[in-house]
C-alpha atoms as a PDB file:
ATOM      1  CA  GLY A   1      -3.916  -2.273  -6.610  1.00  0.00           C
ATOM      2  CA  ILE A   2      -4.756  -4.434  -3.602  1.00  0.00           C
ATOM      3  CA  TYR A   3      -7.314  -7.210  -4.020  1.00  0.00           C
ATOM      4  CA  GLY A   4      -9.064  -9.742  -1.806  1.00  0.00           C
ATOM      5  CA  SER A   5      -8.823 -13.508  -2.162  1.00  0.00           C
ATOM      6  CA  VAL A   6      -8.959 -15.029  -5.639  1.00  0.00           C
ATOM      7  CA  ASN A   7     -10.543 -18.354  -6.647  1.00  0.00           C
ATOM      8  CA  VAL A   8      -9.753 -19.502 -10.184  1.00  0.00           C
ATOM      9  CA  ASP A   9     -11.964 -22.457 -11.167  1.00  0.00           C
ATOM     10  CA  LYS A  10     -11.085 -22.445 -14.877  1.00  0.00           C
ATOM     11  CA  PRO A  11      -7.696 -23.058 -16.588  1.00  0.00           C
ATOM     12  CA  LEU A  12      -6.931 -19.359 -17.001  1.00  0.00           C
ATOM     13  CA  LEU A  13      -3.771 -17.263 -16.851  1.00  0.00           C
ATOM     14  CA  LEU A  14      -4.008 -14.272 -14.477  1.00  0.00           C
ATOM     15  CA  ARG A  15      -1.137 -11.872 -15.119  1.00  0.00           C
ATOM     16  CA  SER A  16      -0.450  -8.535 -13.451  1.00  0.00           C
ATOM     17  CA  VAL A  17       0.493  -5.550 -15.567  1.00  0.00           C
ATOM     18  CA  ASN A  18       3.190  -3.985 -13.374  1.00  0.00           C
ATOM     19  CA  GLY A  19       4.489  -6.841 -11.231  1.00  0.00           C
ATOM     20  CA  PRO A  20       4.228  -8.039  -7.633  1.00  0.00           C
ATOM     21  CA  LYS A  21       5.432  -4.882  -5.889  1.00  0.00           C
ATOM     22  CA  VAL A  22       2.246  -3.049  -6.905  1.00  0.00           C
ATOM     23  CA  THR A  23      -0.232  -5.866  -7.661  1.00  0.00           C
ATOM     24  CA  ILE A  24      -1.207  -7.408  -4.332  1.00  0.00           C
ATOM     25  CA  ILE A  25      -3.630 -10.080  -3.153  1.00  0.00           C
ATOM     26  CA  ASP A  26      -4.237  -9.482   0.553  1.00  0.00           C
ATOM     27  CA  PRO A  27      -7.276 -11.067   2.256  1.00  0.00           C
ATOM     28  CA  VAL A  28      -6.201  -9.626   5.655  1.00  0.00           C
ATOM     29  CA  ARG A  29      -6.055 -13.134   7.162  1.00  0.00           C
ATOM     30  CA  GLN A  30      -9.736 -13.853   6.511  1.00  0.00           C
ATOM     31  CA  SER A  31      -8.906 -16.590   3.964  1.00  0.00           C
ATOM     32  CA  ARG A  32      -6.049 -17.873   1.836  1.00  0.00           C
ATOM     33  CA  CYS A  33      -4.874 -15.552  -0.923  1.00  0.00           C
ATOM     34  CA  ALA A  34      -5.629 -17.805  -3.888  1.00  0.00           C
ATOM     35  CA  TRP A  35      -7.119 -21.160  -4.850  1.00  0.00           C
ATOM     36  CA  LEU A  36      -6.124 -22.336  -8.340  1.00  0.00           C
ATOM     37  CA  THR A  37      -7.669 -25.205 -10.270  1.00  0.00           C
ATOM     38  CA  ASN A  38      -5.840 -27.603 -12.573  1.00  0.00           C
ATOM     39  CA  GLY A  39      -4.330 -25.743 -15.537  1.00  0.00           C
ATOM     40  CA  ALA A  40      -4.544 -22.266 -13.980  1.00  0.00           C
ATOM     41  CA  SER A  41      -1.582 -19.858 -13.783  1.00  0.00           C
ATOM     42  CA  LEU A  42      -0.793 -16.792 -11.692  1.00  0.00           C
ATOM     43  CA  ALA A  43       1.993 -14.440 -12.767  1.00  0.00           C
ATOM     44  CA  GLY A  44       3.407 -11.293 -11.191  1.00  0.00           C
ATOM     45  CA  PHE A  45       1.454 -11.031  -7.918  1.00  0.00           C
ATOM     46  CA  TRP A  46       2.336 -10.413  -4.275  1.00  0.00           C
ATOM     47  CA  LEU A  47       0.327 -12.829  -2.127  1.00  0.00           C
ATOM     48  CA  ARG A  48       0.374 -11.796   1.523  1.00  0.00           C
ATOM     49  CA  HIS A  49      -1.542 -12.089   4.817  1.00  0.00           C
ATOM     50  CA  GLY A  50      -3.444 -15.210   3.796  1.00  0.00           C
ATOM     51  CA  ALA A  51      -4.649 -17.824   6.279  1.00  0.00           C
ATOM     52  CA  ALA A  52      -6.088 -21.326   5.921  1.00  0.00           C
ATOM     53  CA  ASP A  53      -6.952 -24.311   8.097  1.00  0.00           C
ATOM     54  CA  VAL A  54      -5.283 -27.325   6.498  1.00  0.00           C
ATOM     55  CA  PHE A  55      -3.132 -26.605   3.431  1.00  0.00           C
ATOM     56  CA  GLY A  56      -1.827 -23.535   1.635  1.00  0.00           C
ATOM     57  CA  GLY A  57      -2.190 -20.354   3.650  1.00  0.00           C
ATOM     58  CA  GLY A  58      -0.926 -18.306   0.723  1.00  0.00           C
ATOM     59  CA  VAL A  59      -2.059 -20.359  -2.249  1.00  0.00           C
ATOM     60  CA  PHE A  60      -3.569 -23.800  -2.783  1.00  0.00           C
ATOM     61  CA  CYS A  61      -2.792 -25.410  -6.146  1.00  0.00           C
ATOM     62  CA  ALA A  62      -5.056 -28.251  -7.221  1.00  0.00           C
ATOM     63  CA  SER A  63      -2.272 -30.116  -9.053  1.00  0.00           C
ATOM     64  CA  SER A  64       1.288 -29.870 -10.339  1.00  0.00           C
ATOM     65  CA  ASP A  65      -0.265 -28.459 -13.520  1.00  0.00           C
ATOM     66  CA  VAL A  66      -0.787 -25.116 -11.764  1.00  0.00           C
ATOM     67  CA  TYR A  67       1.897 -22.478 -12.309  1.00  0.00           C
ATOM     68  CA  LEU A  68       3.062 -19.523 -10.232  1.00  0.00           C
ATOM     69  CA  THR A  69       5.560 -17.251 -11.981  1.00  0.00           C
ATOM     70  CA  ASN A  70       7.359 -14.147 -10.673  1.00  0.00           C
ATOM     71  CA  CYS A  71       5.294 -14.079  -7.492  1.00  0.00           C
ATOM     72  CA  MET A  72       6.122 -12.953  -3.947  1.00  0.00           C
ATOM     73  CA  ILE A  73       4.480 -15.112  -1.265  1.00  0.00           C
ATOM     74  CA  THR A  74       4.932 -13.625   2.203  1.00  0.00           C
ATOM     75  CA  ASP A  75       3.443 -13.554   5.708  1.00  0.00           C
ATOM     76  CA  ASN A  76       0.846 -16.285   5.215  1.00  0.00           C
ATOM     77  CA  SER A  77      -0.071 -18.961   7.751  1.00  0.00           C
ATOM     78  CA  VAL A  78      -1.904 -22.254   8.138  1.00  0.00           C
ATOM     79  CA  TYR A  79      -3.096 -23.607  11.489  1.00  0.00           C
ATOM     80  CA  SER A  80      -5.793 -26.072  12.497  1.00  0.00           C
ATOM     81  CA  TYR A  81      -6.751 -28.450  15.286  1.00  0.00           C
ATOM     82  CA  SER A  82      -8.381 -31.883  14.955  1.00  0.00           C
ATOM     83  CA  ASN A  83      -9.128 -34.148  17.905  1.00  0.00           C
ATOM     84  CA  GLY A  84      -6.612 -32.245  19.960  1.00  0.00           C
ATOM     85  CA  LEU A  85      -3.881 -32.518  17.320  1.00  0.00           C
ATOM     86  CA  VAL A  86      -2.244 -29.456  15.827  1.00  0.00           C
ATOM     87  CA  MET A  87      -2.348 -29.649  12.017  1.00  0.00           C
ATOM     88  CA  GLY A  88      -1.876 -27.324   9.062  1.00  0.00           C
ATOM     89  CA  SER A  89       0.897 -27.579   6.470  1.00  0.00           C
ATOM     90  CA  GLY A  90       2.225 -25.447   3.650  1.00  0.00           C
ATOM     91  CA  GLY A  91       2.097 -21.968   5.142  1.00  0.00           C
ATOM     92  CA  GLY A  92       3.006 -20.301   1.867  1.00  0.00           C
ATOM     93  CA  VAL A  93       2.202 -22.744  -0.925  1.00  0.00           C
ATOM     94  CA  TYR A  94       0.586 -26.144  -1.322  1.00  0.00           C
ATOM     95  CA  GLY A  95       1.177 -27.929  -4.637  1.00  0.00           C
ATOM     96  CA  GLY A  96       1.844 -26.447  -8.034  1.00  0.00           C
ATOM     97  CA  THR A  97       4.974 -25.535  -9.984  1.00  0.00           C
ATOM     98  CA  LEU A  98       6.780 -22.283  -9.157  1.00  0.00           C
ATOM     99  CA  TYR A  99       9.136 -20.293 -11.376  1.00  0.00           C
ATOM    100  CA  ASN A 100      11.156 -17.287 -10.162  1.00  0.00           C
ATOM    101  CA  CYS A 101       9.161 -16.902  -6.953  1.00  0.00           C
ATOM    102  CA  VAL A 102      10.145 -15.609  -3.503  1.00  0.00           C
ATOM    103  CA  VAL A 103       8.614 -17.376  -0.477  1.00  0.00           C
ATOM    104  CA  VAL A 104       9.390 -15.539   2.777  1.00  0.00           C
ATOM    105  CA  SER A 105       8.085 -15.332   6.371  1.00  0.00           C
ATOM    106  CA  ASN A 106       5.273 -17.880   6.109  1.00  0.00           C
ATOM    107  CA  THR A 107       4.313 -20.220   8.967  1.00  0.00           C
ATOM    108  CA  ALA A 108       2.707 -23.637   9.417  1.00  0.00           C
ATOM    109  CA  ALA A 109       1.555 -25.456  12.526  1.00  0.00           C
ATOM    110  CA  ALA A 110       2.847 -28.819  11.313  1.00  0.00           C
ATOM    111  CA  VAL A 111       5.230 -29.130   8.326  1.00  0.00           C
ATOM    112  CA  GLY A 112       6.328 -27.078   5.349  1.00  0.00           C
ATOM    113  CA  GLY A 113       6.353 -23.525   6.625  1.00  0.00           C
ATOM    114  CA  GLY A 114       7.157 -22.195   3.171  1.00  0.00           C
ATOM    115  CA  VAL A 115       6.219 -24.836   0.614  1.00  0.00           C
ATOM    116  CA  ILE A 116       4.785 -28.347   0.553  1.00  0.00           C
ATOM    117  CA  ALA A 117       4.233 -30.842  -2.295  1.00  0.00           C
ATOM    118  CA  SER A 118       5.510 -28.469  -4.987  1.00  0.00           C
ATOM    119  CA  THR A 119       8.143 -28.148  -7.703  1.00  0.00           C
ATOM    120  CA  LEU A 120      10.446 -25.111  -7.632  1.00  0.00           C
ATOM    121  CA  TYR A 121      12.615 -23.558 -10.333  1.00  0.00           C
ATOM    122  CA  ASN A 122      14.788 -20.493  -9.677  1.00  0.00           C
ATOM    123  CA  CYS A 123      13.037 -19.711  -6.393  1.00  0.00           C
ATOM    124  CA  THR A 124      14.128 -18.349  -3.013  1.00  0.00           C
ATOM    125  CA  VAL A 125      12.599 -19.831   0.149  1.00  0.00           C
ATOM    126  CA  THR A 126      13.876 -18.205   3.347  1.00  0.00           C
ATOM    127  CA  GLY A 127      12.737 -16.996   6.763  1.00  0.00           C
ATOM    128  CA  ASN A 128       9.785 -19.402   6.976  1.00  0.00           C
ATOM    129  CA  HIS A 129       8.811 -21.446  10.051  1.00  0.00           C
ATOM    130  CA  ALA A 130       7.045 -24.716  10.831  1.00  0.00           C
ATOM    131  CA  ASP A 131       6.276 -25.820  14.368  1.00  0.00           C
ATOM    132  CA  ARG A 132       7.326 -29.425  13.608  1.00  0.00           C
ATOM    133  CA  ARG A 133       9.395 -30.193  10.499  1.00  0.00           C
ATOM    134  CA  ALA A 134      10.709 -28.456   7.418  1.00  0.00           C
ATOM    135  CA  GLY A 135      10.424 -24.735   7.958  1.00  0.00           C
ATOM    136  CA  GLY A 136      11.366 -24.228   4.307  1.00  0.00           C
ATOM    137  CA  VAL A 137      10.187 -27.048   2.020  1.00  0.00           C
ATOM    138  CA  TYR A 138       8.578 -30.440   2.585  1.00  0.00           C
ATOM    139  CA  ASN A 139       7.990 -33.192   0.019  1.00  0.00           C
ATOM    140  CA  THR A 140       9.196 -30.817  -2.694  1.00  0.00           C
ATOM    141  CA  ALA A 141      11.618 -30.889  -5.639  1.00  0.00           C
ATOM    142  CA  ALA A 142      13.771 -27.804  -6.223  1.00  0.00           C
ATOM    143  CA  THR A 143      16.168 -26.807  -9.012  1.00  0.00           C
ATOM    144  CA  ASN A 144      18.319 -23.659  -9.204  1.00  0.00           C
ATOM    145  CA  SER A 145      16.802 -22.492  -5.923  1.00  0.00           C
ATOM    146  CA  ILE A 146      17.844 -21.173  -2.519  1.00  0.00           C
ATOM    147  CA  VAL A 147      16.304 -22.848   0.544  1.00  0.00           C
ATOM    148  CA  TYR A 148      18.051 -21.301   3.527  1.00  0.00           C
ATOM    149  CA  SER A 149      17.499 -19.872   7.030  1.00  0.00           C
ATOM    150  CA  ASN A 150      14.143 -21.540   7.628  1.00  0.00           C
ATOM    151  CA  THR A 151      13.276 -22.862  11.097  1.00  0.00           C
ATOM    152  CA  ALA A 152      11.520 -25.861  12.657  1.00  0.00           C
ATOM    153  CA  MET A 153      12.406 -28.631  15.096  1.00  0.00           C
ATOM    154  CA  LEU A 154      15.913 -30.018  14.651  1.00  0.00           C
ATOM    155  CA  PRO A 155      17.282 -31.833  12.733  1.00  0.00           C
ATOM    156  CA  TYR A 156      14.656 -31.157  10.067  1.00  0.00           C
ATOM    157  CA  ASP A 157      14.564 -27.401  10.537  1.00  0.00           C
ATOM    158  CA  ASN A 158      15.198 -26.329   6.932  1.00  0.00           C
ATOM    159  CA  TYR A 159      13.772 -29.122   4.778  1.00  0.00           C
ATOM    160  CA  ASP A 160      12.532 -32.710   4.815  1.00  0.00           C
ATOM    161  CA  LEU A 161      11.653 -35.240   2.091  1.00  0.00           C
ATOM    162  CA  ALA A 162      13.067 -32.915  -0.567  1.00  0.00           C
ATOM    163  CA  GLN A 163      14.936 -33.402  -3.837  1.00  0.00           C
ATOM    164  CA  PHE A 164      17.532 -30.763  -4.740  1.00  0.00           C
ATOM    165  CA  ASP A 165      19.510 -30.122  -7.921  1.00  0.00           C
ATOM    166  CA  HIS A 166      21.841 -27.119  -8.305  1.00  0.00           C
ATOM    167  CA  CYS A 167      20.449 -25.572  -5.122  1.00  0.00           C
ATOM    168  CA  CYS A 168      21.871 -23.656  -2.177  1.00  0.00           C
ATOM    169  CA  THR A 169      20.644 -25.236   1.055  1.00  0.00           C
ATOM    170  CA  THR A 170      21.794 -26.690   4.344  1.00  0.00           C
ATOM    171  CA  PRO A 171      22.519 -29.327   5.459  1.00  0.00           C
ATOM    172  CA  MET A 172      24.104 -30.553   2.232  1.00  0.00           C
ATOM    173  CA  PRO A 173      21.572 -32.830   0.498  1.00  0.00           C
ATOM    174  CA  THR A 174      22.431 -36.484   0.087  1.00  0.00           C
ATOM    175  CA  ASN A 175      20.582 -36.585  -3.235  1.00  0.00           C
ATOM    176  CA  GLY A 176      20.758 -34.573  -6.447  1.00  0.00           C
ATOM    177  CA  VAL A 177      23.659 -32.865  -8.212  1.00  0.00           C
ATOM    178  CA  GLY A 178      25.394 -29.491  -8.157  1.00  0.00           C
ATOM    179  CA  ASN A 179      24.230 -28.468  -4.688  1.00  0.00           C
ATOM    180  CA  ILE A 180      26.097 -26.156  -2.301  1.00  0.00           C
ATOM    181  CA  ALA A 181      25.675 -25.557   1.426  1.00  0.00           C
ATOM    182  CA  ASN A 182      27.480 -22.213   1.775  1.00  0.00           C
ATOM    183  CA  ALA A 183      25.409 -19.216   2.859  1.00  0.00           C
ATOM    184  CA  PRO A 184      23.824 -17.507  -0.175  1.00  0.00           C
ATOM    185  CA  GLN A 185      25.136 -14.036   0.752  1.00  0.00           C
ATOM    186  CA  PHE A 186      22.055 -11.885   0.191  1.00  0.00           C
ATOM    187  CA  VAL A 187      22.612  -8.176  -0.416  1.00  0.00           C
ATOM    188  CA  ASN A 188      20.560  -7.161   2.655  1.00  0.00           C
ATOM    189  CA  TYR A 189      18.651 -10.022   4.269  1.00  0.00           C
ATOM    190  CA  ALA A 190      17.318  -7.922   7.150  1.00  0.00           C
ATOM    191  CA  GLY A 191      16.130  -5.249   4.731  1.00  0.00           C
ATOM    192  CA  GLY A 192      14.436  -7.709   2.405  1.00  0.00           C
ATOM    193  CA  ASP A 193      16.906  -7.421  -0.488  1.00  0.00           C
ATOM    194  CA  LEU A 194      17.334 -11.083  -1.423  1.00  0.00           C
ATOM    195  CA  ARG A 195      19.534 -10.575  -4.450  1.00  0.00           C
ATOM    196  CA  GLN A 196      22.938 -12.226  -4.279  1.00  0.00           C
ATOM    197  CA  ASN A 197      25.876  -9.932  -3.623  1.00  0.00           C
ATOM    198  CA  GLY A 198      29.084 -10.059  -5.634  1.00  0.00           C
ATOM    199  CA  ILE A 199      30.660 -12.862  -3.596  1.00  0.00           C
ATOM    200  CA  SER A 200      27.623 -15.142  -3.397  1.00  0.00           C
ATOM    201  CA  PRO A 201      28.447 -18.807  -4.112  1.00  0.00           C
ATOM    202  CA  CYS A 202      25.102 -19.031  -5.944  1.00  0.00           C
ATOM    203  CA  ILE A 203      26.294 -16.883  -8.855  1.00  0.00           C
ATOM    204  CA  ASP A 204      26.831 -19.039 -11.969  1.00  0.00           C
ATOM    205  CA  ALA A 205      26.117 -22.178  -9.914  1.00  0.00           C
ATOM    206  CA  GLY A 206      22.812 -23.081 -11.549  1.00  0.00           C
ATOM    207  CA  ASP A 207      21.841 -25.268 -14.464  1.00  0.00           C
ATOM    208  CA  ASN A 208      21.029 -23.045 -17.457  1.00  0.00           C
ATOM    209  CA  SER A 209      18.998 -25.779 -19.156  1.00  0.00           C
ATOM    210  CA  THR A 210      16.231 -25.330 -16.574  1.00  0.00           C
ATOM    211  CA  VAL A 211      15.984 -21.533 -16.614  1.00  0.00           C
ATOM    212  CA  GLY A 212      12.343 -20.506 -17.158  1.00  0.00           C
END
Protein backbone atom coordinates (compact mmCIF):
# COMPACT_ATOMS: atom_id res chain seq x y z
CA GLY A 1 0.00 0.00 0.00
CA ILE A 2 0.87 3.70 -0.07
CA TYR A 3 1.04 5.58 3.22
CA GLY A 4 1.55 9.17 4.35
CA SER A 5 4.40 10.39 6.54
CA VAL A 6 5.45 8.29 9.52
CA ASN A 7 6.71 9.54 12.90
CA VAL A 8 8.15 6.86 15.17
CA ASP A 9 8.70 8.23 18.70
CA LYS A 10 9.39 4.87 20.36
CA PRO A 11 12.25 2.37 19.75
CA LEU A 12 10.18 0.15 17.47
CA LEU A 13 10.93 -1.91 14.37
CA LEU A 14 8.59 -1.18 11.43
CA ARG A 15 8.94 -3.89 8.79
CA SER A 16 7.02 -4.25 5.54
CA VAL A 17 5.62 -7.62 4.56
CA ASN A 18 6.37 -7.61 0.82
CA GLY A 19 9.26 -5.18 0.41
CA PRO A 20 9.85 -1.66 -0.89
CA LYS A 21 8.43 -2.09 -4.39
CA VAL A 22 4.91 -2.40 -2.97
CA THR A 23 5.17 -0.80 0.50
CA ILE A 24 5.50 2.94 -0.03
CA ILE A 25 5.66 6.02 2.18
CA ASP A 26 4.73 9.00 0.01
CA PRO A 27 3.67 12.29 1.66
CA VAL A 28 3.34 13.98 -1.77
CA ARG A 29 5.89 16.64 -0.77
CA GLN A 30 3.82 17.92 2.15
CA SER A 31 6.39 16.69 4.71
CA ARG A 32 9.36 14.37 5.02
CA CYS A 33 8.61 10.67 4.66
CA ALA A 34 9.73 9.54 8.11
CA TRP A 35 11.07 10.81 11.43
CA LEU A 36 12.68 8.09 13.57
CA THR A 37 13.66 8.38 17.22
CA ASN A 38 16.70 6.81 18.86
CA GLY A 39 16.51 3.01 18.68
CA ALA A 40 13.86 2.86 15.94
CA SER A 41 14.25 0.79 12.75
CA LEU A 42 12.59 0.85 9.34
CA ALA A 43 12.91 -2.16 7.03
CA GLY A 44 11.65 -2.81 3.51
CA PHE A 45 10.02 0.52 2.57
CA TRP A 46 10.13 2.84 -0.44
CA LEU A 47 10.38 6.42 0.82
CA ARG A 48 9.60 8.91 -1.94
CA HIS A 49 8.39 12.47 -2.60
CA GLY A 50 9.28 13.75 0.86
CA ALA A 51 10.22 17.36 1.56
CA ALA A 52 11.69 19.16 4.58
CA ASP A 53 13.15 22.54 5.47
CA VAL A 54 16.50 21.87 7.14
CA PHE A 55 17.57 18.21 7.29
CA GLY A 56 16.36 14.92 5.87
CA GLY A 57 13.81 15.33 3.11
CA GLY A 58 13.31 11.57 2.95
CA VAL A 59 14.02 10.51 6.51
CA PHE A 60 15.41 12.17 9.63
CA CYS A 61 17.16 9.83 12.07
CA ALA A 62 17.60 11.09 15.61
CA SER A 63 20.92 9.28 16.12
CA SER A 64 23.29 6.69 14.68
CA ASP A 65 21.26 4.15 16.66
CA VAL A 66 18.49 4.35 14.05
CA TYR A 67 18.53 1.69 11.33
CA LEU A 68 17.21 1.63 7.77
CA THR A 69 17.41 -1.77 6.08
CA ASN A 70 16.45 -2.77 2.52
CA CYS A 71 14.88 0.61 1.80
CA MET A 72 14.59 2.65 -1.40
CA ILE A 73 14.91 6.41 -0.81
CA THR A 74 14.10 8.39 -3.96
CA ASP A 75 12.93 11.79 -5.20
CA ASN A 76 13.04 13.62 -1.86
CA SER A 77 14.23 17.18 -1.32
CA VAL A 78 15.26 19.65 1.36
CA TYR A 79 15.31 23.42 0.84
CA SER A 80 15.13 26.38 3.20
CA TYR A 81 16.08 30.04 3.44
CA SER A 82 17.36 31.90 6.51
CA ASN A 83 18.38 35.56 6.48
CA GLY A 84 18.76 35.38 2.74
CA LEU A 85 20.94 32.26 2.86
CA VAL A 86 19.96 29.08 1.07
CA MET A 87 20.10 26.13 3.49
CA GLY A 88 18.85 22.56 3.65
CA SER A 89 21.04 19.45 3.71
CA GLY A 90 20.53 15.72 3.40
CA GLY A 91 17.94 15.49 0.64
CA GLY A 92 17.47 11.76 1.11
CA VAL A 93 18.69 10.88 4.59
CA TYR A 94 19.97 12.67 7.68
CA GLY A 95 21.72 10.51 10.29
CA GLY A 96 21.21 6.86 11.07
CA THR A 97 22.81 3.63 9.89
CA LEU A 98 21.77 2.17 6.53
CA TYR A 99 22.07 -1.43 5.35
CA ASN A 100 21.34 -2.55 1.77
CA CYS A 101 19.60 0.68 0.83
CA VAL A 102 19.30 2.52 -2.51
CA VAL A 103 19.41 6.34 -2.41
CA VAL A 104 18.59 7.86 -5.81
CA SER A 105 17.45 11.21 -7.28
CA ASN A 106 17.27 13.23 -4.07
CA THR A 107 18.19 16.93 -3.88
CA ALA A 108 19.47 19.41 -1.29
CA ALA A 109 19.88 23.16 -1.43
CA ALA A 110 23.19 23.10 0.42
CA VAL A 111 25.16 19.85 0.97
CA GLY A 112 24.54 16.12 0.93
CA GLY A 113 22.02 15.62 -1.83
CA GLY A 114 21.72 11.94 -1.01
CA VAL A 115 22.98 11.38 2.53
CA ILE A 116 24.45 13.42 5.37
CA ALA A 117 25.89 12.41 8.77
CA SER A 118 25.17 8.70 8.28
CA THR A 119 26.85 5.30 8.17
CA LEU A 120 26.33 3.13 5.09
CA TYR A 121 26.82 -0.60 4.55
CA ASN A 122 26.17 -2.26 1.18
CA CYS A 123 24.31 0.77 -0.18
CA THR A 124 24.04 2.47 -3.57
CA VAL A 125 23.95 6.28 -3.71
CA THR A 126 23.63 7.65 -7.25
CA GLY A 127 21.90 10.35 -9.28
CA ASN A 128 21.52 12.75 -6.34
CA HIS A 129 22.21 16.50 -6.44
CA ALA A 130 23.26 19.25 -4.04
CA ASP A 131 23.43 22.89 -5.06
CA ARG A 132 26.74 23.39 -3.19
CA ARG A 133 28.81 20.37 -2.13
CA ALA A 134 28.57 16.61 -2.05
CA GLY A 135 25.72 15.57 -4.30
CA GLY A 136 26.10 12.02 -2.98
CA VAL A 137 27.32 11.86 0.64
CA TYR A 138 28.57 14.42 3.15
CA ASN A 139 30.16 13.76 6.55
CA THR A 140 29.38 10.07 6.11
CA ALA A 141 31.21 6.74 6.48
CA ALA A 142 30.55 4.07 3.84
CA THR A 143 31.60 0.42 3.53
CA ASN A 144 30.89 -1.96 0.63
CA SER A 145 28.93 0.81 -1.08
CA ILE A 146 28.66 2.57 -4.43
CA VAL A 147 28.69 6.39 -4.40
CA TYR A 148 28.77 7.43 -8.04
CA SER A 149 27.29 9.87 -10.59
CA ASN A 150 26.09 12.42 -8.06
CA THR A 151 26.34 16.14 -8.86
CA ALA A 152 27.20 19.40 -7.07
CA MET A 153 29.73 22.20 -7.47
CA LEU A 154 33.20 21.01 -8.46
CA PRO A 155 35.49 19.68 -7.11
CA TYR A 156 33.21 18.30 -4.39
CA ASP A 157 30.48 17.11 -6.72
CA ASN A 158 30.24 13.48 -5.57
CA TYR A 159 31.26 13.52 -1.90
CA ASP A 160 32.92 15.59 0.81
CA LEU A 161 34.15 14.83 4.35
CA ALA A 162 33.56 11.11 3.79
CA GLN A 163 35.29 7.92 4.90
CA PHE A 164 35.27 5.01 2.44
CA ASP A 165 36.28 1.36 2.81
CA HIS A 166 35.81 -1.18 0.00
CA CYS A 167 33.66 1.30 -1.94
CA CYS A 168 33.25 2.28 -5.58
CA THR A 169 33.43 6.06 -5.88
CA THR A 170 35.21 8.87 -7.67
CA PRO A 171 37.56 10.61 -7.27
CA MET A 172 39.62 7.89 -5.60
CA PRO A 173 39.48 8.49 -1.83
CA THR A 174 42.68 9.37 -0.03
CA ASN A 175 41.52 7.48 3.06
CA GLY A 176 40.28 3.95 3.72
CA VAL A 177 41.16 0.62 2.11
CA GLY A 178 39.99 -1.48 -0.82
CA ASN A 179 38.38 1.35 -2.76
CA ILE A 180 38.01 1.53 -6.55
CA ALA A 181 37.21 4.46 -8.84
CA ASN A 182 36.11 2.58 -11.97
CA ALA A 183 32.50 3.01 -13.09
CA PRO A 184 30.23 0.47 -11.34
CA GLN A 185 28.68 -0.80 -14.60
CA PHE A 186 25.00 -0.92 -13.69
CA VAL A 187 22.78 -3.23 -15.74
CA ASN A 188 20.55 -0.35 -16.93
CA TYR A 189 21.19 2.95 -15.16
CA ALA A 190 18.70 4.92 -17.27
CA GLY A 191 16.02 2.30 -16.65
CA GLY A 192 16.62 2.17 -12.92
CA ASP A 193 18.22 -1.30 -12.81
CA LEU A 194 21.13 -0.66 -10.45
CA ARG A 195 22.39 -4.21 -10.23
CA GLN A 196 25.95 -4.75 -11.38
CA ASN A 197 26.39 -6.39 -14.76
CA GLY A 198 28.79 -9.26 -15.36
CA ILE A 199 31.84 -7.05 -15.91
CA SER A 200 31.31 -4.69 -12.98
CA PRO A 201 34.50 -4.03 -10.98
CA CYS A 202 32.34 -4.05 -7.83
CA ILE A 203 31.72 -7.81 -8.01
CA ASP A 204 33.69 -9.62 -5.28
CA ALA A 205 35.36 -6.33 -4.31
CA GLY A 206 33.70 -5.92 -0.92
CA ASP A 207 34.63 -6.94 2.59
CA ASN A 208 32.54 -9.98 3.57
CA SER A 209 33.08 -9.36 7.29
CA THR A 210 30.75 -6.35 7.12
CA VAL A 211 27.89 -7.90 5.16
CA GLY A 212 24.61 -7.31 7.02
